[in-house]
N, C-alpha and C. Protein backbone atom coordinates (compact mmCIF):
# COMPACT_ATOMS: atom_id res chain seq x y z
N UNK A 1 -39.32 25.95 72.73
CA UNK A 1 -38.30 24.97 72.32
C UNK A 1 -38.40 24.10 73.52
N UNK A 2 -37.71 22.87 73.65
CA UNK A 2 -37.93 21.36 74.43
C UNK A 2 -36.47 21.33 74.84
N UNK A 3 -36.20 20.60 75.37
CA UNK A 3 -34.81 20.12 75.88
C UNK A 3 -34.29 19.29 74.91
N UNK A 4 -33.06 19.13 75.41
CA UNK A 4 -32.13 18.52 73.75
C UNK A 4 -32.45 17.21 73.81
N UNK A 5 -33.21 16.43 74.82
CA UNK A 5 -33.24 14.84 74.88
C UNK A 5 -34.23 14.96 73.97
N UNK A 6 -35.33 15.70 74.44
CA UNK A 6 -36.96 15.61 73.67
C UNK A 6 -36.46 15.63 71.94
N UNK A 7 -35.57 16.67 71.86
CA UNK A 7 -35.13 17.10 70.12
C UNK A 7 -34.32 15.89 69.95
N UNK A 8 -33.55 15.35 70.62
CA UNK A 8 -32.83 14.04 70.15
C UNK A 8 -33.84 12.74 69.74
N UNK A 9 -34.89 12.51 70.78
CA UNK A 9 -35.75 11.32 70.51
C UNK A 9 -36.68 11.76 69.30
N UNK A 10 -37.26 13.14 69.05
CA UNK A 10 -37.79 13.46 67.87
C UNK A 10 -37.05 12.94 66.76
N UNK A 11 -35.65 13.60 66.86
CA UNK A 11 -35.15 13.32 65.88
C UNK A 11 -34.63 12.19 65.44
N UNK A 12 -34.71 10.89 66.63
CA UNK A 12 -34.40 9.66 66.46
C UNK A 12 -35.59 8.74 65.52
N UNK A 13 -36.77 9.32 66.17
CA UNK A 13 -37.88 8.82 65.72
C UNK A 13 -37.96 9.30 63.77
N UNK A 14 -37.78 10.29 63.69
CA UNK A 14 -37.89 10.64 62.18
C UNK A 14 -36.77 9.81 61.37
N UNK A 15 -35.57 9.71 62.19
CA UNK A 15 -34.53 8.98 61.52
C UNK A 15 -35.16 7.41 61.25
N UNK A 16 -36.13 6.98 62.18
CA UNK A 16 -36.27 5.40 62.35
C UNK A 16 -37.48 5.31 61.50
N UNK A 17 -38.51 6.62 60.81
CA UNK A 17 -39.31 6.66 60.05
C UNK A 17 -38.84 6.47 58.28
N UNK A 18 -37.94 7.15 58.21
CA UNK A 18 -37.68 7.64 57.13
C UNK A 18 -36.76 5.91 56.89
N UNK A 19 -36.19 5.43 58.09
CA UNK A 19 -35.35 3.85 57.45
C UNK A 19 -36.13 3.16 57.08
N UNK A 20 -37.50 3.40 57.81
CA UNK A 20 -38.40 1.94 57.61
C UNK A 20 -39.02 2.45 56.08
N UNK A 21 -39.64 3.77 55.64
CA UNK A 21 -39.54 4.01 54.48
C UNK A 21 -38.83 3.45 53.42
N UNK A 22 -37.75 3.70 53.73
CA UNK A 22 -36.51 3.33 52.50
C UNK A 22 -36.34 1.50 52.10
N UNK A 23 -36.15 0.81 53.71
CA UNK A 23 -36.09 -0.23 53.96
C UNK A 23 -37.40 -1.25 53.64
N UNK A 24 -37.90 -1.29 53.93
CA UNK A 24 -39.38 -2.23 53.66
C UNK A 24 -39.78 -1.96 52.04
N UNK A 25 -39.86 -1.04 51.41
CA UNK A 25 -39.78 -1.15 49.75
C UNK A 25 -38.90 -2.25 49.28
N UNK A 26 -37.42 -1.70 50.03
CA UNK A 26 -36.54 -2.55 49.45
C UNK A 26 -36.52 -3.81 49.15
N UNK A 27 -36.98 -4.39 50.65
CA UNK A 27 -37.17 -5.34 50.75
C UNK A 27 -38.40 -6.38 49.82
N UNK A 28 -39.54 -5.66 49.41
CA UNK A 28 -40.72 -5.73 49.04
C UNK A 28 -40.27 -5.92 47.32
N UNK A 29 -39.32 -5.15 47.10
CA UNK A 29 -38.95 -5.20 45.66
C UNK A 29 -38.03 -6.18 45.49
N UNK A 30 -37.36 -7.00 46.37
CA UNK A 30 -36.26 -8.12 46.41
C UNK A 30 -37.35 -9.12 46.40
N UNK A 31 -38.16 -8.94 47.21
CA UNK A 31 -39.11 -10.14 47.00
C UNK A 31 -39.89 -10.57 45.35
N UNK A 32 -40.26 -9.38 45.19
CA UNK A 32 -40.79 -9.29 43.86
C UNK A 32 -40.09 -9.60 42.65
N UNK A 33 -38.53 -9.08 42.70
CA UNK A 33 -37.52 -9.89 41.66
C UNK A 33 -37.24 -11.21 41.97
N UNK A 34 -37.35 -12.15 42.73
CA UNK A 34 -37.43 -13.27 43.38
C UNK A 34 -38.55 -14.06 42.39
N UNK A 35 -39.56 -13.50 42.67
CA UNK A 35 -40.61 -14.32 42.35
C UNK A 35 -40.51 -14.27 40.52
N UNK A 36 -40.38 -12.99 39.78
CA UNK A 36 -40.54 -12.86 38.64
C UNK A 36 -39.16 -13.67 38.08
N UNK A 37 -38.04 -14.02 38.56
CA UNK A 37 -37.00 -14.91 37.95
C UNK A 37 -37.66 -16.24 38.11
N UNK A 38 -38.67 -16.62 39.36
CA UNK A 38 -38.88 -17.98 39.39
C UNK A 38 -40.23 -18.27 37.91
N UNK A 39 -41.11 -16.93 38.13
CA UNK A 39 -41.64 -17.36 37.20
C UNK A 39 -41.12 -17.25 35.63
N UNK A 40 -40.15 -16.31 35.32
CA UNK A 40 -39.78 -16.77 34.07
C UNK A 40 -38.85 -18.04 33.93
N UNK A 41 -38.34 -18.58 34.44
CA UNK A 41 -37.98 -20.17 34.57
C UNK A 41 -38.78 -20.89 34.02
N UNK A 42 -40.03 -20.84 35.17
CA UNK A 42 -41.46 -21.84 34.78
C UNK A 42 -42.00 -21.63 33.45
N UNK A 43 -41.87 -20.48 32.83
CA UNK A 43 -42.43 -20.04 31.52
C UNK A 43 -41.08 -20.75 30.59
N UNK A 44 -39.86 -20.49 30.92
CA UNK A 44 -39.03 -21.16 29.72
C UNK A 44 -39.35 -22.71 30.03
N UNK A 45 -39.23 -23.18 31.36
CA UNK A 45 -39.55 -25.07 31.02
C UNK A 45 -40.83 -24.87 30.17
N UNK A 46 -41.78 -24.75 30.57
CA UNK A 46 -43.23 -25.01 29.64
C UNK A 46 -42.73 -24.79 27.99
N UNK A 47 -42.14 -23.56 28.03
CA UNK A 47 -41.94 -23.57 26.25
C UNK A 47 -41.04 -24.73 25.85
N UNK A 48 -40.32 -25.15 26.91
CA UNK A 48 -39.12 -26.07 26.18
C UNK A 48 -39.52 -27.49 26.44
N UNK A 49 -40.47 -27.83 27.34
CA UNK A 49 -40.71 -29.30 27.46
C UNK A 49 -41.25 -29.94 26.33
N UNK A 50 -40.87 -31.06 25.88
CA UNK A 50 -41.21 -31.44 24.61
C UNK A 50 -41.63 -33.09 25.32
N UNK A 51 -41.88 -33.68 26.28
CA UNK A 51 -42.85 -34.72 26.99
C UNK A 51 -44.08 -34.59 27.12
N UNK A 52 -44.40 -35.80 27.16
CA UNK A 52 -45.95 -35.88 27.32
C UNK A 52 -46.21 -35.19 28.66
N UNK A 53 -45.31 -35.78 29.84
CA UNK A 53 -45.64 -35.19 31.27
C UNK A 53 -44.35 -35.08 31.49
N UNK A 54 -43.72 -33.78 32.38
CA UNK A 54 -42.29 -33.45 32.70
C UNK A 54 -42.75 -32.89 33.96
N UNK A 55 -41.74 -33.20 34.72
CA UNK A 55 -41.70 -32.40 36.16
C UNK A 55 -40.46 -31.69 36.01
N UNK A 56 -39.98 -30.72 36.72
CA UNK A 56 -39.11 -29.78 37.63
C UNK A 56 -39.51 -29.12 38.78
N UNK A 57 -37.83 -29.42 39.41
CA UNK A 57 -38.24 -28.27 40.87
C UNK A 57 -37.84 -26.97 40.30
N UNK A 58 -38.32 -25.91 40.49
CA UNK A 58 -38.20 -24.61 40.17
C UNK A 58 -38.68 -23.64 41.48
N UNK A 59 -37.27 -23.50 42.15
CA UNK A 59 -37.44 -22.32 42.98
C UNK A 59 -38.05 -23.02 44.66
N UNK A 60 -37.80 -24.21 44.73
CA UNK A 60 -38.00 -25.23 45.71
C UNK A 60 -39.97 -25.65 45.65
N UNK A 61 -40.05 -25.43 44.37
CA UNK A 61 -41.48 -26.16 44.15
C UNK A 61 -41.58 -27.00 42.87
N UNK A 62 -42.19 -28.04 43.00
CA UNK A 62 -42.25 -29.41 41.71
C UNK A 62 -43.41 -28.59 40.77
N UNK A 63 -42.88 -28.50 39.55
CA UNK A 63 -43.57 -28.12 38.90
C UNK A 63 -43.53 -29.12 37.68
N UNK A 64 -45.15 -29.12 36.73
CA UNK A 64 -45.53 -30.01 36.02
C UNK A 64 -46.02 -29.47 35.03
N UNK A 65 -45.50 -29.93 33.73
CA UNK A 65 -46.04 -29.81 32.45
C UNK A 65 -46.53 -30.64 31.52
N UNK A 66 -47.38 -30.44 31.06
CA UNK A 66 -48.30 -31.47 30.24
C UNK A 66 -48.03 -30.96 28.81
N UNK A 67 -48.38 -32.03 27.57
CA UNK A 67 -48.23 -31.18 26.37
C UNK A 67 -49.66 -32.21 25.89
N UNK A 68 -50.81 -31.30 25.56
CA UNK A 68 -52.05 -31.58 25.38
C UNK A 68 -51.72 -32.35 23.93
N UNK A 69 -51.02 -31.33 23.12
CA UNK A 69 -51.06 -32.03 21.52
C UNK A 69 -50.17 -33.25 21.70
N UNK A 70 -49.27 -33.87 22.35
CA UNK A 70 -48.27 -34.99 22.30
C UNK A 70 -49.46 -35.70 23.00
N UNK A 71 -50.40 -35.66 24.26
CA UNK A 71 -51.02 -36.79 24.65
C UNK A 71 -52.32 -36.91 23.72
N UNK A 72 -52.98 -35.80 22.63
CA UNK A 72 -53.77 -36.36 21.94
C UNK A 72 -53.50 -37.34 20.69
N UNK A 73 -52.19 -36.98 20.57
CA UNK A 73 -51.55 -37.85 19.43
C UNK A 73 -51.20 -38.91 19.80
N UNK A 74 -50.73 -39.22 21.24
CA UNK A 74 -50.43 -40.96 21.56
C UNK A 74 -52.01 -41.71 21.61
N UNK A 75 -53.17 -40.67 22.63
CA UNK A 75 -54.43 -41.59 22.58
C UNK A 75 -54.92 -41.57 21.49
N UNK A 76 -55.25 -41.11 20.50
CA UNK A 76 -55.44 -41.40 19.14
C UNK A 76 -54.78 -42.54 18.35
N UNK A 77 -53.44 -42.59 18.55
CA UNK A 77 -52.85 -43.77 17.98
C UNK A 77 -53.27 -45.11 18.50
N UNK A 78 -53.41 -45.15 20.00
CA UNK A 78 -53.63 -46.27 20.64
C UNK A 78 -55.14 -46.23 20.25
N UNK A 79 -56.22 -45.67 20.11
CA UNK A 79 -57.50 -45.74 19.86
C UNK A 79 -57.48 -46.45 18.38
N UNK A 80 -56.81 -45.90 17.54
CA UNK A 80 -56.29 -46.03 16.29
C UNK A 80 -55.92 -47.57 15.91
N UNK A 81 -54.74 -48.08 17.56
CA UNK A 81 -54.57 -49.41 17.19
C UNK A 81 -55.61 -50.11 17.63
N UNK A 82 -56.28 -50.12 18.23
CA UNK A 82 -57.62 -50.58 18.96
C UNK A 82 -58.58 -50.97 17.85
N UNK A 83 -58.84 -50.26 17.15
CA UNK A 83 -60.05 -49.81 15.89
C UNK A 83 -59.37 -50.59 14.97
N UNK A 84 -58.05 -50.96 14.41
CA UNK A 84 -57.56 -51.56 13.82
C UNK A 84 -57.70 -53.28 14.13
N UNK A 85 -56.98 -53.48 15.41
CA UNK A 85 -56.76 -54.77 15.91
C UNK A 85 -58.51 -55.32 15.94
N UNK A 86 -59.52 -54.87 16.57
CA UNK A 86 -60.98 -55.03 16.17
C UNK A 86 -61.52 -55.42 14.45
N UNK A 87 -60.76 -54.72 13.78
CA UNK A 87 -61.42 -54.79 12.49
C UNK A 87 -60.64 -56.01 11.43
N UNK A 88 -59.85 -56.50 12.64
CA UNK A 88 -59.13 -57.70 11.66
C UNK A 88 -59.51 -59.29 12.51
N UNK A 89 -60.28 -58.42 13.57
CA UNK A 89 -60.88 -59.60 14.06
C UNK A 89 -62.03 -60.49 13.52
């Protein structure tokens, strides 16, 4: 057996390793939870957005959503208006 100082050093190292194995995954988990919350907010924003182009700041990041259906409807309306106008001439 070693001296009591060696035993104290080994015991401290074991406690340090156990602390690292407990604290690091908890920090990793909290970061994953934060990212999941941001992803949920972004998906809700994209589902509820009714504008052709809509922007919102989510989690410090500017998020842009476009609605292809509304953009297509708007462009078809413009094209139809040009066709009707050119037919009248």
